[in-house]
Amino acid sequence: MWLPLVGLALGIFIGSVLSITIPMEYAKYMSVAVLAALDSVFGSLRSFLEDKFDALVLLTGFFTNAVLAALLAYIGDRLGVDLFLAAVFAFGVRIFQNLAVIRRYVIDRMVRPRPKSQPNPIEKV
């Protein structure tokens, strides 16, 4: 669980300390790469909360998603079609789905914990 959070914190720190400019022709590729990274981080956080976390799945999923999204962006550039938007849409949907599941988990388990000793009102009838 700590691996994606450490990677995210390290990336944010390095990005804020170094002033690296990225040429405009690589902007599509970088946007897709950032979304692939965020998708992997939020997906791994969700799987951790569901007790299904696997570091190998995280790493292979990150690189597979990043390569496929970059390939779509490259093919789209060669064809003159914005295919990178398909990857942006797919990653965006997955990120929001994972955030919704994480939010529900936090609300259900941590903000509103269910009392264990409270009797079921249906059983009294």
C-alpha atoms as a PDB file:
ATOM      1  CA  MET A   1       0.000   0.000   0.000  1.00  0.00           C
ATOM      2  CA  TRP A   2       2.786   2.408   0.777  1.00  0.00           C
ATOM      3  CA  LEU A   3       4.423   2.035  -2.655  1.00  0.00           C
ATOM      4  CA  PRO A   4       1.908   4.102  -4.687  1.00  0.00           C
ATOM      5  CA  LEU A   5       1.644   6.786  -2.021  1.00  0.00           C
ATOM      6  CA  VAL A   6       5.432   7.116  -1.743  1.00  0.00           C
ATOM      7  CA  GLY A   7       5.709   7.294  -5.522  1.00  0.00           C
ATOM      8  CA  LEU A   8       3.023   9.969  -5.721  1.00  0.00           C
ATOM      9  CA  ALA A   9       4.613  12.035  -2.937  1.00  0.00           C
ATOM     10  CA  LEU A  10       8.075  11.678  -4.475  1.00  0.00           C
ATOM     11  CA  GLY A  11       6.777  12.688  -7.891  1.00  0.00           C
ATOM     12  CA  ILE A  12       4.994  15.745  -6.520  1.00  0.00           C
ATOM     13  CA  PHE A  13       8.117  16.753  -4.579  1.00  0.00           C
ATOM     14  CA  ILE A  14      10.453  16.346  -7.556  1.00  0.00           C
ATOM     15  CA  GLY A  15       8.011  18.133  -9.845  1.00  0.00           C
ATOM     16  CA  SER A  16       7.717  21.096  -7.511  1.00  0.00           C
ATOM     17  CA  VAL A  17      11.471  21.400  -6.856  1.00  0.00           C
ATOM     18  CA  LEU A  18      12.714  21.057 -10.436  1.00  0.00           C
ATOM     19  CA  SER A  19      11.573  23.467 -13.123  1.00  0.00           C
ATOM     20  CA  ILE A  20      11.410  21.266 -16.190  1.00  0.00           C
ATOM     21  CA  THR A  21       9.619  22.561 -19.251  1.00  0.00           C
ATOM     22  CA  ILE A  22       8.012  20.074 -21.579  1.00  0.00           C
ATOM     23  CA  PRO A  23       7.754  20.940 -25.282  1.00  0.00           C
ATOM     24  CA  MET A  24       4.233  21.388 -26.629  1.00  0.00           C
ATOM     25  CA  GLU A  25       4.535  18.431 -29.013  1.00  0.00           C
ATOM     26  CA  TYR A  26       4.794  16.129 -25.985  1.00  0.00           C
ATOM     27  CA  ALA A  27       1.880  17.662 -24.069  1.00  0.00           C
ATOM     28  CA  LYS A  28      -0.579  14.982 -25.233  1.00  0.00           C
ATOM     29  CA  TYR A  29       1.758  12.207 -24.159  1.00  0.00           C
ATOM     30  CA  MET A  30       2.409  13.764 -20.756  1.00  0.00           C
ATOM     31  CA  SER A  31      -1.271  14.317 -20.057  1.00  0.00           C
ATOM     32  CA  VAL A  32      -1.987  10.673 -20.805  1.00  0.00           C
ATOM     33  CA  ALA A  33       0.990   9.565 -18.691  1.00  0.00           C
ATOM     34  CA  VAL A  34      -0.194  11.620 -15.707  1.00  0.00           C
ATOM     35  CA  LEU A  35      -3.699  10.180 -16.011  1.00  0.00           C
ATOM     36  CA  ALA A  36      -2.273   6.645 -16.234  1.00  0.00           C
ATOM     37  CA  ALA A  37      -0.291   7.268 -13.049  1.00  0.00           C
ATOM     38  CA  LEU A  38      -3.302   8.694 -11.197  1.00  0.00           C
ATOM     39  CA  ASP A  39      -5.456   5.792 -12.369  1.00  0.00           C
ATOM     40  CA  SER A  40      -2.911   3.332 -11.004  1.00  0.00           C
ATOM     41  CA  VAL A  41      -2.605   5.147  -7.670  1.00  0.00           C
ATOM     42  CA  PHE A  42      -6.351   5.405  -7.068  1.00  0.00           C
ATOM     43  CA  GLY A  43      -6.921   1.855  -8.313  1.00  0.00           C
ATOM     44  CA  SER A  44      -4.309   0.522  -5.910  1.00  0.00           C
ATOM     45  CA  LEU A  45      -5.789   2.526  -3.040  1.00  0.00           C
ATOM     46  CA  ARG A  46      -9.193   1.060  -3.826  1.00  0.00           C
ATOM     47  CA  SER A  47      -7.793  -2.472  -3.984  1.00  0.00           C
ATOM     48  CA  PHE A  48      -6.007  -1.922  -0.664  1.00  0.00           C
ATOM     49  CA  LEU A  49      -9.252  -0.853   0.987  1.00  0.00           C
ATOM     50  CA  GLU A  50     -10.938  -3.959  -0.458  1.00  0.00           C
ATOM     51  CA  ASP A  51      -8.037  -6.175   0.797  1.00  0.00           C
ATOM     52  CA  LYS A  52      -7.080  -7.142  -2.763  1.00  0.00           C
ATOM     53  CA  PHE A  53      -3.844  -5.123  -3.174  1.00  0.00           C
ATOM     54  CA  ASP A  54      -1.038  -6.705  -5.188  1.00  0.00           C
ATOM     55  CA  ALA A  55       2.127  -4.728  -5.999  1.00  0.00           C
ATOM     56  CA  LEU A  56       2.774  -6.752  -9.149  1.00  0.00           C
ATOM     57  CA  VAL A  57      -0.677  -5.884 -10.476  1.00  0.00           C
ATOM     58  CA  LEU A  58       0.000  -2.216  -9.678  1.00  0.00           C
ATOM     59  CA  LEU A  59       3.315  -2.094 -11.529  1.00  0.00           C
ATOM     60  CA  THR A  60       2.240  -4.108 -14.555  1.00  0.00           C
ATOM     61  CA  GLY A  61      -1.026  -2.202 -14.803  1.00  0.00           C
ATOM     62  CA  PHE A  62       0.763   1.137 -14.639  1.00  0.00           C
ATOM     63  CA  PHE A  63       3.226   0.319 -17.397  1.00  0.00           C
ATOM     64  CA  THR A  64       0.651  -1.434 -19.580  1.00  0.00           C
ATOM     65  CA  ASN A  65      -1.772   1.486 -19.303  1.00  0.00           C
ATOM     66  CA  ALA A  66       0.966   4.038 -19.964  1.00  0.00           C
ATOM     67  CA  VAL A  67       2.320   2.204 -23.011  1.00  0.00           C
ATOM     68  CA  LEU A  68      -1.125   1.587 -24.500  1.00  0.00           C
ATOM     69  CA  ALA A  69      -2.190   5.201 -23.960  1.00  0.00           C
ATOM     70  CA  ALA A  70       1.065   6.524 -25.460  1.00  0.00           C
ATOM     71  CA  LEU A  71       0.619   4.171 -28.416  1.00  0.00           C
ATOM     72  CA  LEU A  72      -2.913   5.469 -28.969  1.00  0.00           C
ATOM     73  CA  ALA A  73      -1.665   9.053 -28.829  1.00  0.00           C
ATOM     74  CA  TYR A  74       1.164   8.291 -31.263  1.00  0.00           C
ATOM     75  CA  ILE A  75      -1.076   6.494 -33.749  1.00  0.00           C
ATOM     76  CA  GLY A  76      -3.563   9.334 -33.490  1.00  0.00           C
ATOM     77  CA  ASP A  77      -0.818  11.864 -34.240  1.00  0.00           C
ATOM     78  CA  ARG A  78       0.291   9.875 -37.278  1.00  0.00           C
ATOM     79  CA  LEU A  79      -3.298   9.614 -38.568  1.00  0.00           C
ATOM     80  CA  GLY A  80      -4.195  13.202 -37.728  1.00  0.00           C
ATOM     81  CA  VAL A  81      -6.936  12.105 -35.308  1.00  0.00           C
ATOM     82  CA  ASP A  82      -7.017  12.910 -31.595  1.00  0.00           C
ATOM     83  CA  LEU A  83      -7.070   9.290 -30.386  1.00  0.00           C
ATOM     84  CA  PHE A  84      -5.466  10.329 -27.103  1.00  0.00           C
ATOM     85  CA  LEU A  85      -8.902  11.628 -26.108  1.00  0.00           C
ATOM     86  CA  ALA A  86     -10.105   8.006 -25.900  1.00  0.00           C
ATOM     87  CA  ALA A  87      -7.411   7.298 -23.302  1.00  0.00           C
ATOM     88  CA  VAL A  88      -8.213  10.525 -21.446  1.00  0.00           C
ATOM     89  CA  PHE A  89     -11.893   9.587 -21.338  1.00  0.00           C
ATOM     90  CA  ALA A  90     -11.209   5.996 -20.212  1.00  0.00           C
ATOM     91  CA  PHE A  91      -8.774   7.046 -17.483  1.00  0.00           C
ATOM     92  CA  GLY A  92     -11.094   9.822 -16.351  1.00  0.00           C
ATOM     93  CA  VAL A  93     -14.025   7.440 -15.961  1.00  0.00           C
ATOM     94  CA  ARG A  94     -11.905   4.919 -14.051  1.00  0.00           C
ATOM     95  CA  ILE A  95     -10.445   7.574 -11.745  1.00  0.00           C
ATOM     96  CA  PHE A  96     -13.891   8.912 -10.834  1.00  0.00           C
ATOM     97  CA  GLN A  97     -15.243   5.377 -10.290  1.00  0.00           C
ATOM     98  CA  ASN A  98     -12.351   4.534  -7.980  1.00  0.00           C
ATOM     99  CA  LEU A  99     -12.767   7.803  -6.088  1.00  0.00           C
ATOM    100  CA  ALA A 100     -16.482   7.089  -5.624  1.00  0.00           C
ATOM    101  CA  VAL A 101     -15.730   3.653  -4.162  1.00  0.00           C
ATOM    102  CA  ILE A 102     -13.006   5.086  -1.896  1.00  0.00           C
ATOM    103  CA  ARG A 103     -15.343   7.846  -0.717  1.00  0.00           C
ATOM    104  CA  ARG A 104     -18.101   5.346   0.106  1.00  0.00           C
ATOM    105  CA  TYR A 105     -15.639   3.169   1.985  1.00  0.00           C
ATOM    106  CA  VAL A 106     -14.367   6.086   4.065  1.00  0.00           C
ATOM    107  CA  ILE A 107     -17.887   7.274   4.864  1.00  0.00           C
ATOM    108  CA  ASP A 108     -19.223   3.807   5.704  1.00  0.00           C
ATOM    109  CA  ARG A 109     -16.263   2.504   7.686  1.00  0.00           C
ATOM    110  CA  MET A 110     -14.694   5.543   9.277  1.00  0.00           C
ATOM    111  CA  VAL A 111     -17.164   8.401   9.484  1.00  0.00           C
ATOM    112  CA  ARG A 112     -20.329   6.434  10.275  1.00  0.00           C
ATOM    113  CA  PRO A 113     -19.251   3.199  11.939  1.00  0.00           C
ATOM    114  CA  ARG A 114     -22.085   0.793  12.615  1.00  0.00           C
ATOM    115  CA  PRO A 115     -22.597  -0.161  16.254  1.00  0.00           C
ATOM    116  CA  LYS A 116     -21.987  -3.861  16.788  1.00  0.00           C
ATOM    117  CA  SER A 117     -24.305  -4.404  19.742  1.00  0.00           C
ATOM    118  CA  GLN A 118     -27.384  -2.672  18.351  1.00  0.00           C
ATOM    119  CA  PRO A 119     -30.213  -5.194  17.787  1.00  0.00           C
ATOM    120  CA  ASN A 120     -31.895  -5.470  14.431  1.00  0.00           C
ATOM    121  CA  PRO A 121     -35.312  -3.703  14.633  1.00  0.00           C
ATOM    122  CA  ILE A 122     -36.852  -6.172  12.179  1.00  0.00           C
ATOM    123  CA  GLU A 123     -36.162  -9.143  14.483  1.00  0.00           C
ATOM    124  CA  LYS A 124     -38.354  -7.656  17.259  1.00  0.00           C
ATOM    125  CA  VAL A 125     -41.523  -7.955  15.173  1.00  0.00           C
END
